C-alpha atoms as a PDB file:
ATOM      1  CA  MET A   1       7.394   2.354  -9.251  1.00  0.00           C
ATOM      2  CA  LYS A   2       3.654   3.153  -9.322  1.00  0.00           C
ATOM      3  CA  ILE A   3       2.980   6.000 -11.765  1.00  0.00           C
ATOM      4  CA  LEU A   4      -0.373   7.722 -12.279  1.00  0.00           C
ATOM      5  CA  LEU A   5      -0.780   8.869 -15.881  1.00  0.00           C
ATOM      6  CA  ASP A   6      -2.380  12.271 -16.325  1.00  0.00           C
ATOM      7  CA  THR A   7      -4.836  12.832 -19.151  1.00  0.00           C
ATOM      8  CA  ASN A   8      -2.572  15.118 -21.191  1.00  0.00           C
ATOM      9  CA  VAL A   9       0.157  12.469 -21.407  1.00  0.00           C
ATOM     10  CA  LEU A  10      -2.349   9.870 -22.616  1.00  0.00           C
ATOM     11  CA  VAL A  11      -3.788  12.276 -25.200  1.00  0.00           C
ATOM     12  CA  SER A  12      -0.309  13.106 -26.502  1.00  0.00           C
ATOM     13  CA  ALA A  13       0.656   9.441 -26.675  1.00  0.00           C
ATOM     14  CA  PHE A  14      -2.499   8.438 -28.555  1.00  0.00           C
ATOM     15  CA  LEU A  15      -2.548  11.347 -30.994  1.00  0.00           C
ATOM     16  CA  SER A  16       1.145  11.266 -31.854  1.00  0.00           C
ATOM     17  CA  LYS A  17       1.922   7.574 -32.151  1.00  0.00           C
ATOM     18  CA  GLY A  18       5.669   7.302 -32.442  1.00  0.00           C
ATOM     19  CA  GLY A  19       6.026  10.692 -30.740  1.00  0.00           C
ATOM     20  CA  TYR A  20       7.721  11.627 -27.492  1.00  0.00           C
ATOM     21  CA  CYS A  21       4.929  10.670 -25.071  1.00  0.00           C
ATOM     22  CA  HIS A  22       4.222   7.459 -26.958  1.00  0.00           C
ATOM     23  CA  GLU A  23       7.874   6.406 -26.615  1.00  0.00           C
ATOM     24  CA  ILE A  24       7.904   7.332 -22.937  1.00  0.00           C
ATOM     25  CA  LEU A  25       4.762   5.298 -22.196  1.00  0.00           C
ATOM     26  CA  ASP A  26       6.223   2.332 -24.064  1.00  0.00           C
ATOM     27  CA  HIS A  27       9.361   2.552 -21.941  1.00  0.00           C
ATOM     28  CA  ALA A  28       7.536   3.220 -18.675  1.00  0.00           C
ATOM     29  CA  ALA A  29       5.139   0.314 -19.233  1.00  0.00           C
ATOM     30  CA  SER A  30       8.076  -2.081 -19.471  1.00  0.00           C
ATOM     31  CA  THR A  31       9.694  -0.887 -16.232  1.00  0.00           C
ATOM     32  CA  HIS A  32       6.922   0.495 -13.982  1.00  0.00           C
ATOM     33  CA  ALA A  33       3.304  -0.042 -12.980  1.00  0.00           C
ATOM     34  CA  LEU A  34       1.229   2.514 -14.909  1.00  0.00           C
ATOM     35  CA  TRP A  35      -2.114   3.470 -13.411  1.00  0.00           C
ATOM     36  CA  VAL A  36      -5.250   5.357 -14.418  1.00  0.00           C
ATOM     37  CA  THR A  37      -8.437   6.095 -12.486  1.00  0.00           C
ATOM     38  CA  PRO A  38     -12.079   6.455 -13.501  1.00  0.00           C
ATOM     39  CA  PHE A  39     -11.624  10.235 -13.230  1.00  0.00           C
ATOM     40  CA  ILE A  40      -8.685  10.152 -15.674  1.00  0.00           C
ATOM     41  CA  LYS A  41     -10.619   7.937 -18.107  1.00  0.00           C
ATOM     42  CA  THR A  42     -13.667  10.226 -17.989  1.00  0.00           C
ATOM     43  CA  GLU A  43     -11.499  13.291 -18.546  1.00  0.00           C
ATOM     44  CA  LEU A  44      -9.696  11.503 -21.399  1.00  0.00           C
ATOM     45  CA  SER A  45     -13.005  10.710 -23.073  1.00  0.00           C
ATOM     46  CA  ASP A  46     -14.215  14.301 -22.663  1.00  0.00           C
ATOM     47  CA  VAL A  47     -10.996  15.822 -24.054  1.00  0.00           C
ATOM     48  CA  LEU A  48     -10.882  13.485 -27.054  1.00  0.00           C
ATOM     49  CA  ARG A  49     -14.509  14.285 -27.837  1.00  0.00           C
ATOM     50  CA  ARG A  50     -14.528  18.031 -27.145  1.00  0.00           C
ATOM     51  CA  LYS A  51     -11.066  19.174 -28.269  1.00  0.00           C
ATOM     52  CA  PHE A  52     -10.190  16.623 -30.938  1.00  0.00           C
ATOM     53  CA  HIS A  53     -13.656  15.640 -32.206  1.00  0.00           C
ATOM     54  CA  LEU A  54     -12.859  11.930 -32.296  1.00  0.00           C
ATOM     55  CA  SER A  55     -15.673   9.543 -33.082  1.00  0.00           C
ATOM     56  CA  GLU A  56     -17.415   7.697 -30.263  1.00  0.00           C
ATOM     57  CA  THR A  57     -16.201   4.429 -31.771  1.00  0.00           C
ATOM     58  CA  LEU A  58     -12.561   5.509 -31.634  1.00  0.00           C
ATOM     59  CA  ILE A  59     -12.946   6.907 -28.121  1.00  0.00           C
ATOM     60  CA  LYS A  60     -14.450   3.616 -26.940  1.00  0.00           C
ATOM     61  CA  GLU A  61     -11.548   1.696 -28.521  1.00  0.00           C
ATOM     62  CA  LEU A  62      -8.983   3.940 -26.818  1.00  0.00           C
ATOM     63  CA  LEU A  63     -10.737   3.612 -23.453  1.00  0.00           C
ATOM     64  CA  LYS A  64     -10.860  -0.157 -23.874  1.00  0.00           C
ATOM     65  CA  PHE A  65      -7.107  -0.143 -24.523  1.00  0.00           C
ATOM     66  CA  VAL A  66      -6.516   2.024 -21.438  1.00  0.00           C
ATOM     67  CA  SER A  67      -8.692  -0.281 -19.319  1.00  0.00           C
ATOM     68  CA  GLU A  68      -6.889  -3.393 -20.493  1.00  0.00           C
ATOM     69  CA  PHE A  69      -3.317  -2.104 -20.625  1.00  0.00           C
ATOM     70  CA  TYR A  70      -3.037   0.056 -17.486  1.00  0.00           C
ATOM     71  CA  ILE A  71      -3.813  -0.765 -13.858  1.00  0.00           C
ATOM     72  CA  GLN A  72      -7.195   0.574 -12.780  1.00  0.00           C
ATOM     73  CA  GLY A  73      -7.130   2.587  -9.576  1.00  0.00           C
ATOM     74  CA  ASP A  74      -9.843   4.267  -7.553  1.00  0.00           C
ATOM     75  CA  THR A  75     -11.090   7.825  -7.796  1.00  0.00           C
ATOM     76  CA  SER A  76     -10.936   9.636  -4.486  1.00  0.00           C
ATOM     77  CA  HIS A  77     -14.261  10.837  -3.080  1.00  0.00           C
ATOM     78  CA  SER A  78     -12.538  13.845  -1.555  1.00  0.00           C
ATOM     79  CA  ALA A  79     -10.200  16.243  -3.367  1.00  0.00           C
ATOM     80  CA  PRO A  80      -8.847  18.959  -1.057  1.00  0.00           C
ATOM     81  CA  ARG A  81      -8.028  22.255  -2.744  1.00  0.00           C
ATOM     82  CA  VAL A  82      -4.289  22.329  -3.525  1.00  0.00           C
ATOM     83  CA  CYS A  83      -3.881  23.423  -7.164  1.00  0.00           C
ATOM     84  CA  ARG A  84      -5.011  26.391  -9.244  1.00  0.00           C
ATOM     85  CA  ASP A  85      -7.215  24.017 -11.295  1.00  0.00           C
ATOM     86  CA  SER A  86      -9.753  21.922  -9.358  1.00  0.00           C
ATOM     87  CA  LYS A  87      -9.437  19.077 -11.897  1.00  0.00           C
ATOM     88  CA  ASP A  88      -5.778  18.838 -10.898  1.00  0.00           C
ATOM     89  CA  ASP A  89      -6.851  18.522  -7.264  1.00  0.00           C
ATOM     90  CA  GLN A  90      -8.685  15.329  -8.252  1.00  0.00           C
ATOM     91  CA  VAL A  91      -5.539  13.945  -9.908  1.00  0.00           C
ATOM     92  CA  LEU A  92      -3.566  14.634  -6.723  1.00  0.00           C
ATOM     93  CA  ALA A  93      -6.249  13.050  -4.539  1.00  0.00           C
ATOM     94  CA  ASP A  94      -6.370   9.978  -6.794  1.00  0.00           C
ATOM     95  CA  ALA A  95      -2.592   9.651  -6.578  1.00  0.00           C
ATOM     96  CA  VAL A  96      -2.732   9.744  -2.775  1.00  0.00           C
ATOM     97  CA  THR A  97      -5.698   7.341  -2.611  1.00  0.00           C
ATOM     98  CA  ASN A  98      -3.894   4.771  -4.753  1.00  0.00           C
ATOM     99  CA  GLY A  99      -0.467   5.125  -3.114  1.00  0.00           C
ATOM    100  CA  MET A 100       1.375   6.409  -6.178  1.00  0.00           C
ATOM    101  CA  ASP A 101       5.092   7.089  -6.240  1.00  0.00           C
ATOM    102  CA  ALA A 102       4.792   9.592  -9.099  1.00  0.00           C
ATOM    103  CA  ILE A 103       2.420  11.438 -11.417  1.00  0.00           C
ATOM    104  CA  LEU A 104       3.467  11.721 -15.069  1.00  0.00           C
ATOM    105  CA  THR A 105       2.010  14.933 -16.486  1.00  0.00           C
ATOM    106  CA  GLY A 106       2.569  17.818 -18.830  1.00  0.00           C
ATOM    107  CA  ASP A 107       0.261  20.082 -16.801  1.00  0.00           C
ATOM    108  CA  ASN A 108       2.155  23.129 -15.541  1.00  0.00           C
ATOM    109  CA  ASP A 109      -0.194  23.627 -12.573  1.00  0.00           C
ATOM    110  CA  LEU A 110       0.772  20.176 -11.305  1.00  0.00           C
ATOM    111  CA  LEU A 111       4.426  20.421 -12.337  1.00  0.00           C
ATOM    112  CA  ASP A 112       4.811  23.702 -10.416  1.00  0.00           C
ATOM    113  CA  LEU A 113       4.092  21.756  -7.210  1.00  0.00           C
ATOM    114  CA  GLY A 114       7.028  19.390  -7.805  1.00  0.00           C
ATOM    115  CA  SER A 115       5.605  16.897  -5.335  1.00  0.00           C
ATOM    116  CA  HIS A 116       2.551  16.315  -3.181  1.00  0.00           C
ATOM    117  CA  LYS A 117       2.507  14.264   0.024  1.00  0.00           C
ATOM    118  CA  GLY A 118       5.683  12.463  -1.024  1.00  0.00           C
ATOM    119  CA  ILE A 119       4.486  11.812  -4.593  1.00  0.00           C
ATOM    120  CA  ARG A 120       6.833  13.140  -7.274  1.00  0.00           C
ATOM    121  CA  ILE A 121       5.253  15.081 -10.103  1.00  0.00           C
ATOM    122  CA  VAL A 122       7.319  14.759 -13.269  1.00  0.00           C
ATOM    123  CA  SER A 123       7.009  15.844 -16.874  1.00  0.00           C
ATOM    124  CA  PRO A 124       7.619  13.410 -19.720  1.00  0.00           C
ATOM    125  CA  LYS A 125      10.996  15.101 -20.313  1.00  0.00           C
ATOM    126  CA  GLU A 126      11.993  14.714 -16.652  1.00  0.00           C
ATOM    127  CA  TYR A 127      10.887  11.080 -16.677  1.00  0.00           C
ATOM    128  CA  TRP A 128      13.054  10.426 -19.733  1.00  0.00           C
ATOM    129  CA  GLN A 129      16.094  12.063 -18.106  1.00  0.00           C
ATOM    130  CA  LEU A 130      15.617  10.148 -14.845  1.00  0.00           C
ATOM    131  CA  SER A 131      15.221   6.785 -16.535  1.00  0.00           C
ATOM    132  CA  LYS A 132      18.390   6.948 -18.626  1.00  0.00           C
END
């Protein structure tokens, strides 16, 4: 299964090593193809800098890990308005552009949709329940 990782799942996994999202990504990486896009990586960098005040060195190391460990998709040049948050529209458009089967997210605006153009939108908890 091709799964697009949303920024909030990556942040949770990196900042709580050994936590719930970290365990889920470990499991998902062994059974599925995990994807990120340039948009997700840019948003990840911005969130780690702005909200968590991580050093540029650490951010660069985390982005290098993401670039090496996850499949790199394309960012869509068009993001039709679907969600309450326009940044979420870009995640949806990227998922469609790259032919994803699912989006793994903790974002309630995305989760409220349930699916988009045949792409399932699941929370880490839902992923865990489905994979057992």
